[in-house]
């Protein structure tokens, strides 16, 4: 019997604000750095070097400077952090369109619909994403992989920085049982003191208590506490963002294929069809991702984003072959190729006056719209030259 796979990923950026500042100014790496307000402010983010000196969030800035006089303090720049947050989650959406941006530096992914065939393929993909985030954005992110959001979040926060924790399917309760009680959502300092004073130190201790004693300690919330201690959580990954949507298409070959030009032609054809759907929805796309699958069902992917989102397939054509070369690392015969468009945005406002580029794009857009209308009619097919399939005889 095939073993069930965990499907929920929690990602938690490590010292996010500070990490962004260190990416922009590498001289700050390895130093005691914090982001926060100097006058009557609090510490919003602290490097791990600063934390080792006792600086934490949300400590008053004045206190942080007293205990760590050589602390490098940087003012908040939320616009800069928002930009890096968007880039971070855009990379996540190259894996799955089901991404919940819980906060600027924390979120969830549902990889259940992605069709991973085994745990190694799944974990290799998430580890690859983790390294891609570090390589492209200079950020460290910790990941937790589990069957639900509760366990995934606990996993990621238990192994920081740059951790990767998998909570084994079927062993959720035993995994939780050994952890301190304060990992449970809703157990703050006061509740923790109360529980510990009654001999409840680990999560597993909750499950050894009688119903009457839990009622006396927790009142009406005792049932929820027991449920959490068992690792039960049926909440879903809620995208709630326009950018979370993506468009994808794949083609599985009847026979494994090694013809690069033919695969590139097929990828461009899928891109044309996807972009017609993007236009029909009144959207634009910014990121193109190509995935290849080998006969052994292992995958490789590569993605790249345009400077600005577009609703014209031609803007992506120049990326297809370089991405295919990058994704097709092993140069073995391929069983499948897929194309995904993400970084989805609404249409732009009116064109800027006297902008030649916009005028040219608008002419291309009108032509594309005509082709879309023709292709929507019965028995009518208008194709680009690269969509014409080669006859191999």
Protein backbone atom coordinates (compact mmCIF):
# COMPACT_ATOMS: atom_id res chain seq x y z
CA UNK A 1 0.00 0.00 0.00
CA UNK A 2 1.29 3.44 -0.95
CA UNK A 3 2.22 5.53 2.06
CA UNK A 4 0.30 8.79 2.44
CA UNK A 5 2.32 11.94 1.94
CA UNK A 6 2.28 15.10 4.06
CA UNK A 7 0.73 17.91 2.03
CA UNK A 8 0.97 21.13 4.06
CA UNK A 9 4.10 23.26 4.17
CA UNK A 10 4.71 26.09 6.63
CA UNK A 11 7.43 28.60 5.77
CA UNK A 12 8.81 31.05 8.29
CA UNK A 13 11.50 33.52 7.23
CA UNK A 14 14.36 33.78 9.71
CA UNK A 15 14.86 37.29 11.15
CA UNK A 16 13.16 38.57 8.00
CA UNK A 17 13.56 42.35 8.27
CA UNK A 18 17.19 42.04 9.33
CA UNK A 19 17.84 39.43 6.62
CA UNK A 20 16.58 41.85 3.96
CA UNK A 21 18.87 44.58 5.28
CA UNK A 22 21.81 42.16 5.29
CA UNK A 23 21.05 41.16 1.71
CA UNK A 24 21.10 44.80 0.66
CA UNK A 25 24.23 45.49 2.74
CA UNK A 26 26.35 42.32 3.10
CA UNK A 27 28.67 44.14 5.53
CA UNK A 28 25.94 43.63 8.14
CA UNK A 29 26.16 39.84 7.99
CA UNK A 30 27.42 38.17 11.14
CA UNK A 31 26.88 41.32 13.23
CA UNK A 32 24.51 42.34 16.00
CA UNK A 33 21.78 44.00 13.94
CA UNK A 34 18.18 44.92 14.72
CA UNK A 35 15.38 46.71 12.91
CA UNK A 36 13.25 49.04 15.01
CA UNK A 37 12.38 52.57 15.99
CA UNK A 38 14.97 54.53 17.93
CA UNK A 39 12.65 56.95 19.73
CA UNK A 40 10.11 55.19 21.96
CA UNK A 41 10.23 52.25 19.56
CA UNK A 42 10.45 48.48 19.79
CA UNK A 43 12.63 45.88 18.15
CA UNK A 44 10.81 44.46 15.12
CA UNK A 45 13.53 42.00 14.08
CA UNK A 46 16.91 40.97 15.48
CA UNK A 47 19.79 39.01 14.00
CA UNK A 48 20.74 35.77 15.72
CA UNK A 49 23.95 37.43 16.90
CA UNK A 50 21.85 40.14 18.59
CA UNK A 51 19.54 37.52 20.08
CA UNK A 52 22.55 35.81 21.65
CA UNK A 53 23.09 39.05 23.58
CA UNK A 54 19.50 39.04 24.86
CA UNK A 55 17.83 41.23 22.23
CA UNK A 56 14.41 39.93 21.23
CA UNK A 57 11.13 40.98 19.66
CA UNK A 58 9.24 43.08 20.77
CA UNK A 59 11.75 44.47 23.26
CA UNK A 60 11.79 48.28 23.73
CA UNK A 61 14.63 49.74 21.70
CA UNK A 62 16.00 51.63 24.69
CA UNK A 63 16.34 48.37 26.61
CA UNK A 64 17.98 46.62 23.65
CA UNK A 65 20.61 49.36 23.39
CA UNK A 66 21.33 49.12 27.11
CA UNK A 67 21.99 45.38 27.09
CA UNK A 68 23.75 45.48 23.71
CA UNK A 69 25.54 48.87 23.33
CA UNK A 70 27.19 47.87 20.04
CA UNK A 71 23.84 46.94 18.46
CA UNK A 72 23.46 48.25 14.89
CA UNK A 73 19.97 49.71 14.76
CA UNK A 74 18.21 50.21 11.40
CA UNK A 75 14.91 52.01 10.87
CA UNK A 76 11.96 50.12 9.40
CA UNK A 77 11.49 50.23 5.65
CA UNK A 78 8.18 48.46 5.05
CA UNK A 79 8.18 49.14 1.30
CA UNK A 80 11.46 47.26 0.92
CA UNK A 81 10.27 44.38 3.10
CA UNK A 82 6.98 44.13 1.19
CA UNK A 83 8.90 43.83 -2.07
CA UNK A 84 11.00 40.95 -0.76
CA UNK A 85 7.91 39.30 0.73
CA UNK A 86 6.20 39.39 -2.67
CA UNK A 87 9.26 37.84 -4.33
CA UNK A 88 9.41 35.16 -1.63
CA UNK A 89 5.81 34.08 -2.10
CA UNK A 90 6.05 34.33 -5.90
CA UNK A 91 8.74 31.65 -5.73
CA UNK A 92 6.41 29.51 -3.60
CA UNK A 93 3.71 29.83 -6.26
CA UNK A 94 6.09 28.24 -8.75
CA UNK A 95 5.49 25.04 -6.76
CA UNK A 96 1.74 25.33 -6.08
CA UNK A 97 -0.94 27.97 -6.61
CA UNK A 98 -2.33 27.19 -3.14
CA UNK A 99 -0.28 29.63 -1.07
CA UNK A 100 -1.54 31.44 2.02
CA UNK A 101 0.35 34.63 2.81
CA UNK A 102 -0.30 34.63 6.54
CA UNK A 103 1.95 37.63 7.19
CA UNK A 104 4.80 39.45 5.49
CA UNK A 105 7.28 36.71 6.47
CA UNK A 106 5.19 33.62 7.15
CA UNK A 107 2.79 31.48 5.17
CA UNK A 108 1.46 28.07 4.17
CA UNK A 109 1.52 26.00 0.99
CA UNK A 110 -0.79 23.11 0.05
CA UNK A 111 1.17 20.76 -2.21
CA UNK A 112 -1.47 18.01 -2.18
CA UNK A 113 -2.73 18.72 -5.72
CA UNK A 114 0.80 18.72 -7.19
CA UNK A 115 0.89 14.96 -7.78
CA UNK A 116 4.13 14.07 -6.01
CA UNK A 117 4.67 10.33 -6.35
CA UNK A 118 6.78 9.76 -3.24
CA UNK A 119 8.16 11.55 -0.19
CA UNK A 120 11.65 11.96 -1.66
CA UNK A 121 10.30 13.80 -4.69
CA UNK A 122 8.23 16.00 -2.40
CA UNK A 123 10.99 16.81 0.09
CA UNK A 124 13.56 17.37 -2.68
CA UNK A 125 11.20 19.92 -4.25
CA UNK A 126 10.68 21.83 -0.99
CA UNK A 127 14.39 21.74 -0.17
CA UNK A 128 15.06 23.02 -3.67
CA UNK A 129 12.68 25.90 -3.02
CA UNK A 130 14.44 26.64 0.26
CA UNK A 131 17.82 26.87 -1.48
CA UNK A 132 16.36 28.88 -4.38
CA UNK A 133 15.05 31.48 -1.91
CA UNK A 134 18.49 31.73 -0.33
CA UNK A 135 20.29 31.89 -3.69
CA UNK A 136 17.99 34.38 -5.42
CA UNK A 137 16.86 36.55 -2.50
CA UNK A 138 19.60 36.08 0.06
CA UNK A 139 17.04 35.06 2.69
CA UNK A 140 17.02 32.15 5.11
CA UNK A 141 13.65 30.41 5.53
CA UNK A 142 12.68 27.51 7.78
CA UNK A 143 10.17 24.92 6.54
CA UNK A 144 7.84 22.47 8.21
CA UNK A 145 6.08 19.70 6.26
CA UNK A 146 3.15 17.83 7.79
CA UNK A 147 -0.43 16.66 7.29
CA UNK A 148 -1.96 19.90 8.58
CA UNK A 149 -1.23 23.55 9.32
CA UNK A 150 -0.83 23.12 13.09
CA UNK A 151 1.89 20.49 12.80
CA UNK A 152 3.66 22.16 9.87
CA UNK A 153 3.92 25.43 11.81
CA UNK A 154 5.20 23.69 14.93
CA UNK A 155 7.75 21.83 12.82
CA UNK A 156 9.17 24.91 11.12
CA UNK A 157 9.47 26.87 14.38
CA UNK A 158 11.21 24.01 16.21
CA UNK A 159 14.22 23.98 13.92
CA UNK A 160 15.46 27.50 13.13
CA UNK A 161 17.27 29.06 11.40
CA UNK A 162 17.19 27.48 7.92
CA UNK A 163 15.58 24.33 9.26
CA UNK A 164 13.59 21.68 7.44
CA UNK A 165 11.32 19.47 9.55
CA UNK A 166 9.08 16.65 8.34
CA UNK A 167 6.43 15.40 10.77
CA UNK A 168 5.92 11.74 9.80
CA UNK A 169 2.43 10.79 8.63
CA UNK A 170 0.75 8.62 11.26
CA UNK A 171 3.16 9.67 14.01
CA UNK A 172 1.72 13.12 14.68
CA UNK A 173 0.64 12.46 18.28
CA UNK A 174 3.95 10.84 19.25
CA UNK A 175 5.89 13.70 17.64
CA UNK A 176 3.92 16.26 19.63
CA UNK A 177 3.96 14.31 22.90
CA UNK A 178 7.67 14.96 23.51
CA UNK A 179 7.50 18.72 22.91
CA UNK A 180 7.05 21.43 25.59
CA UNK A 181 3.47 22.46 26.20
CA UNK A 182 4.02 26.01 24.96
CA UNK A 183 4.26 24.84 21.32
CA UNK A 184 0.47 24.48 21.33
CA UNK A 185 -1.37 27.42 19.79
CA UNK A 186 -2.99 29.56 22.48
CA UNK A 187 -0.73 28.48 25.34
CA UNK A 188 0.70 31.81 26.48
CA UNK A 189 2.91 32.47 29.45
CA UNK A 190 0.08 32.56 32.01
CA UNK A 191 -1.48 29.33 30.74
CA UNK A 192 1.95 27.69 30.59
CA UNK A 193 2.63 28.56 34.24
CA UNK A 194 -0.80 27.23 35.22
CA UNK A 195 -0.33 23.96 33.38
CA UNK A 196 3.22 23.39 34.63
CA UNK A 197 2.13 24.01 38.21
CA UNK A 198 -0.26 21.09 37.74
CA UNK A 199 2.35 18.73 36.30
CA UNK A 200 1.61 19.37 32.63
CA UNK A 201 5.02 20.13 31.13
CA UNK A 202 4.97 18.29 27.79
CA UNK A 203 2.19 18.11 25.21
CA UNK A 204 1.78 14.42 25.96
CA UNK A 205 0.97 15.22 29.58
CA UNK A 206 -2.34 16.73 28.46
CA UNK A 207 -3.52 13.34 27.23
CA UNK A 208 -2.82 11.68 30.59
CA UNK A 209 -5.17 14.00 32.49
CA UNK A 210 -8.74 13.21 33.44
CA UNK A 211 -11.61 15.13 31.92
CA UNK A 212 -12.57 16.60 35.31
CA UNK A 213 -9.05 17.93 36.00
CA UNK A 214 -8.78 19.51 32.55
CA UNK A 215 -12.19 21.12 32.98
CA UNK A 216 -11.07 22.56 36.31
CA UNK A 217 -7.89 23.98 34.76
CA UNK A 218 -9.11 25.15 31.35
CA UNK A 219 -12.86 25.51 31.60
CA UNK A 220 -14.74 25.22 28.32
CA UNK A 221 -11.49 25.24 26.32
CA UNK A 222 -10.36 21.83 27.54
CA UNK A 223 -11.72 19.92 24.52
CA UNK A 224 -9.87 22.15 22.06
CA UNK A 225 -6.67 21.72 24.06
CA UNK A 226 -6.99 17.93 23.85
CA UNK A 227 -7.64 18.13 20.12
CA UNK A 228 -4.55 20.28 19.58
CA UNK A 229 -2.45 17.97 21.75
CA UNK A 230 -3.44 15.12 19.44
CA UNK A 231 -2.27 17.16 16.45
CA UNK A 232 -5.74 17.61 14.99
CA UNK A 233 -6.37 20.58 12.68
CA UNK A 234 -8.77 20.65 9.73
CA UNK A 235 -8.23 24.28 8.68
CA UNK A 236 -7.41 24.74 5.01
CA UNK A 237 -4.78 26.81 3.23
CA UNK A 238 -6.72 29.96 2.35
CA UNK A 239 -5.13 31.88 -0.50
CA UNK A 240 -7.26 35.04 -0.38
CA UNK A 241 -4.90 36.82 -2.79
CA UNK A 242 -5.05 37.59 -6.49
CA UNK A 243 -1.37 36.73 -6.78
CA UNK A 244 -1.98 33.24 -5.44
CA UNK A 245 -3.61 32.13 -8.69
CA UNK A 246 -1.61 30.49 -11.44
CA UNK A 247 -2.22 28.99 -14.85
CA UNK A 248 -0.62 25.71 -15.83
CA UNK A 249 -0.68 23.07 -18.54
CA UNK A 250 1.29 19.91 -19.19
CA UNK A 251 1.81 17.38 -21.94
CA UNK A 252 2.71 13.74 -21.35
CA UNK A 253 4.46 12.14 -24.29
CA UNK A 254 3.33 8.78 -25.65
CA UNK A 255 7.01 7.92 -26.09
CA UNK A 256 9.87 9.47 -24.13
CA UNK A 257 11.38 12.32 -26.12
CA UNK A 258 14.85 13.83 -26.47
CA UNK A 259 14.29 16.42 -29.25
CA UNK A 260 15.01 19.80 -27.62
CA UNK A 261 13.50 21.85 -30.46
CA UNK A 262 10.29 19.82 -30.40
CA UNK A 263 9.95 20.16 -26.61
CA UNK A 264 10.53 23.93 -26.86
CA UNK A 265 7.87 24.11 -29.58
CA UNK A 266 5.40 22.26 -27.37
CA UNK A 267 6.20 24.52 -24.41
CA UNK A 268 5.60 27.66 -26.50
CA UNK A 269 2.30 26.21 -27.71
CA UNK A 270 1.16 25.64 -24.13
CA UNK A 271 2.29 29.17 -23.28
CA UNK A 272 0.10 30.54 -26.09
CA UNK A 273 -2.95 28.67 -24.80
CA UNK A 274 -2.35 29.71 -21.19
CA UNK A 275 -1.90 33.37 -22.07
CA UNK A 276 -5.23 33.35 -23.91
CA UNK A 277 -6.82 32.25 -20.62
CA UNK A 278 -4.93 34.97 -18.75
CA UNK A 279 -6.32 37.60 -21.16
CA UNK A 280 -9.82 36.13 -20.91
CA UNK A 281 -9.66 36.61 -17.12
CA UNK A 282 -8.44 40.20 -17.52
CA UNK A 283 -5.12 39.38 -15.85
CA UNK A 284 -1.39 39.57 -16.50
CA UNK A 285 1.42 37.16 -15.56
CA UNK A 286 4.97 37.86 -14.45
CA UNK A 287 6.62 34.47 -13.84
CA UNK A 288 7.17 31.54 -16.19
CA UNK A 289 8.12 28.12 -14.79
CA UNK A 290 8.96 25.04 -16.84
CA UNK A 291 8.98 21.56 -15.31
CA UNK A 292 10.30 18.38 -16.93
CA UNK A 293 9.65 14.83 -15.78
CA UNK A 294 11.89 11.84 -16.50
CA UNK A 295 10.78 8.20 -16.97
CA UNK A 296 11.55 7.50 -13.30
CA UNK A 297 8.94 10.17 -12.35
CA UNK A 298 11.57 12.52 -10.90
CA UNK A 299 11.22 16.18 -11.86
CA UNK A 300 13.37 19.24 -12.43
CA UNK A 301 12.09 22.81 -12.69
CA UNK A 302 13.32 26.27 -13.58
CA UNK A 303 11.55 29.62 -13.42
CA UNK A 304 12.16 33.27 -14.15
CA UNK A 305 10.19 36.49 -13.73
CA UNK A 306 9.83 39.44 -16.06
CA UNK A 307 10.46 42.95 -14.72
CA UNK A 308 6.74 43.66 -15.21
CA UNK A 309 3.68 41.47 -15.62
CA UNK A 310 2.32 41.05 -19.14
CA UNK A 311 -0.63 39.60 -21.04
CA UNK A 312 1.40 38.98 -24.21
CA UNK A 313 2.89 35.53 -24.81
CA UNK A 314 5.63 37.01 -26.99
CA UNK A 315 7.14 38.64 -23.90
CA UNK A 316 7.86 35.16 -22.52
CA UNK A 317 9.13 33.51 -25.71
CA UNK A 318 12.77 34.45 -25.09
CA UNK A 319 12.64 32.70 -21.69
CA UNK A 320 11.36 29.34 -22.94
CA UNK A 321 14.56 27.83 -24.32
CA UNK A 322 16.89 29.08 -21.54
CA UNK A 323 14.47 27.79 -18.88
CA UNK A 324 14.10 24.46 -20.66
CA UNK A 325 17.89 24.10 -20.78
CA UNK A 326 18.10 24.99 -17.09
CA UNK A 327 15.29 22.62 -16.06
CA UNK A 328 16.46 19.73 -18.26
CA UNK A 329 19.62 19.26 -16.23
CA UNK A 330 20.05 15.53 -16.62
CA UNK A 331 19.59 15.44 -20.41
CA UNK A 332 17.77 12.12 -20.14
CA UNK A 333 14.68 11.35 -22.25
CA UNK A 334 11.60 13.19 -20.99
CA UNK A 335 8.17 11.82 -20.20
CA UNK A 336 6.43 15.13 -19.55
CA UNK A 337 6.87 18.89 -19.86
CA UNK A 338 4.69 21.47 -18.12
CA UNK A 339 4.38 25.24 -18.24
CA UNK A 340 3.11 27.40 -15.38
CA UNK A 341 2.35 31.13 -15.31
CA UNK A 342 2.23 32.78 -11.88
CA UNK A 343 2.72 36.18 -10.29
CA UNK A 344 -0.78 37.00 -11.52
CA UNK A 345 -1.91 40.63 -11.42
CA UNK A 346 -4.86 42.70 -12.59
CA UNK A 347 -4.68 44.68 -15.80
CA UNK A 348 -2.89 48.02 -15.87
CA UNK A 349 -4.68 51.32 -16.08
CA UNK A 350 -4.80 53.45 -19.23
CA UNK A 351 -1.70 53.67 -21.39
CA UNK A 352 0.76 56.46 -20.79
CA UNK A 353 0.62 59.15 -23.46
CA UNK A 354 3.42 59.30 -26.01
CA UNK A 355 4.88 55.97 -24.90
CA UNK A 356 6.00 54.12 -28.05
CA UNK A 357 6.43 50.80 -26.24
CA UNK A 358 2.89 50.92 -24.86
CA UNK A 359 1.52 51.78 -28.30
CA UNK A 360 3.30 48.79 -29.86
CA UNK A 361 2.11 46.49 -27.09
CA UNK A 362 -1.42 47.75 -27.51
CA UNK A 363 -1.31 46.85 -31.21
CA UNK A 364 -0.04 43.37 -30.27
CA UNK A 365 -2.76 43.12 -27.65
CA UNK A 366 -5.50 43.97 -30.18
CA UNK A 367 -4.14 41.35 -32.58
CA UNK A 368 -4.01 38.76 -29.80
CA UNK A 369 -7.61 39.57 -28.88
CA UNK A 370 -8.71 38.96 -32.48
CA UNK A 371 -6.94 35.59 -32.47
CA UNK A 372 -8.57 34.72 -29.14
CA UNK A 373 -12.03 35.51 -30.54
CA UNK A 374 -11.41 33.44 -33.67
CA UNK A 375 -10.16 30.48 -31.65
CA UNK A 376 -13.25 30.66 -29.44
CA UNK A 377 -15.48 29.95 -32.43
CA UNK A 378 -16.45 26.46 -33.41
CA UNK A 379 -14.26 24.82 -36.10
CA UNK A 380 -11.86 27.80 -36.12
CA UNK A 381 -8.21 27.41 -35.16
CA UNK A 382 -5.57 30.10 -35.62
CA UNK A 383 -2.08 28.98 -34.69
CA UNK A 384 1.36 30.51 -34.30
CA UNK A 385 4.02 29.04 -36.54
CA UNK A 386 5.72 27.21 -33.66
CA UNK A 387 2.44 25.44 -32.79
CA UNK A 388 2.55 23.42 -36.02
CA UNK A 389 3.70 19.96 -35.04
CA UNK A 390 6.63 18.44 -36.90
CA UNK A 391 5.94 15.29 -38.90
CA UNK A 392 8.48 12.70 -37.82
CA UNK A 393 7.10 10.17 -40.28
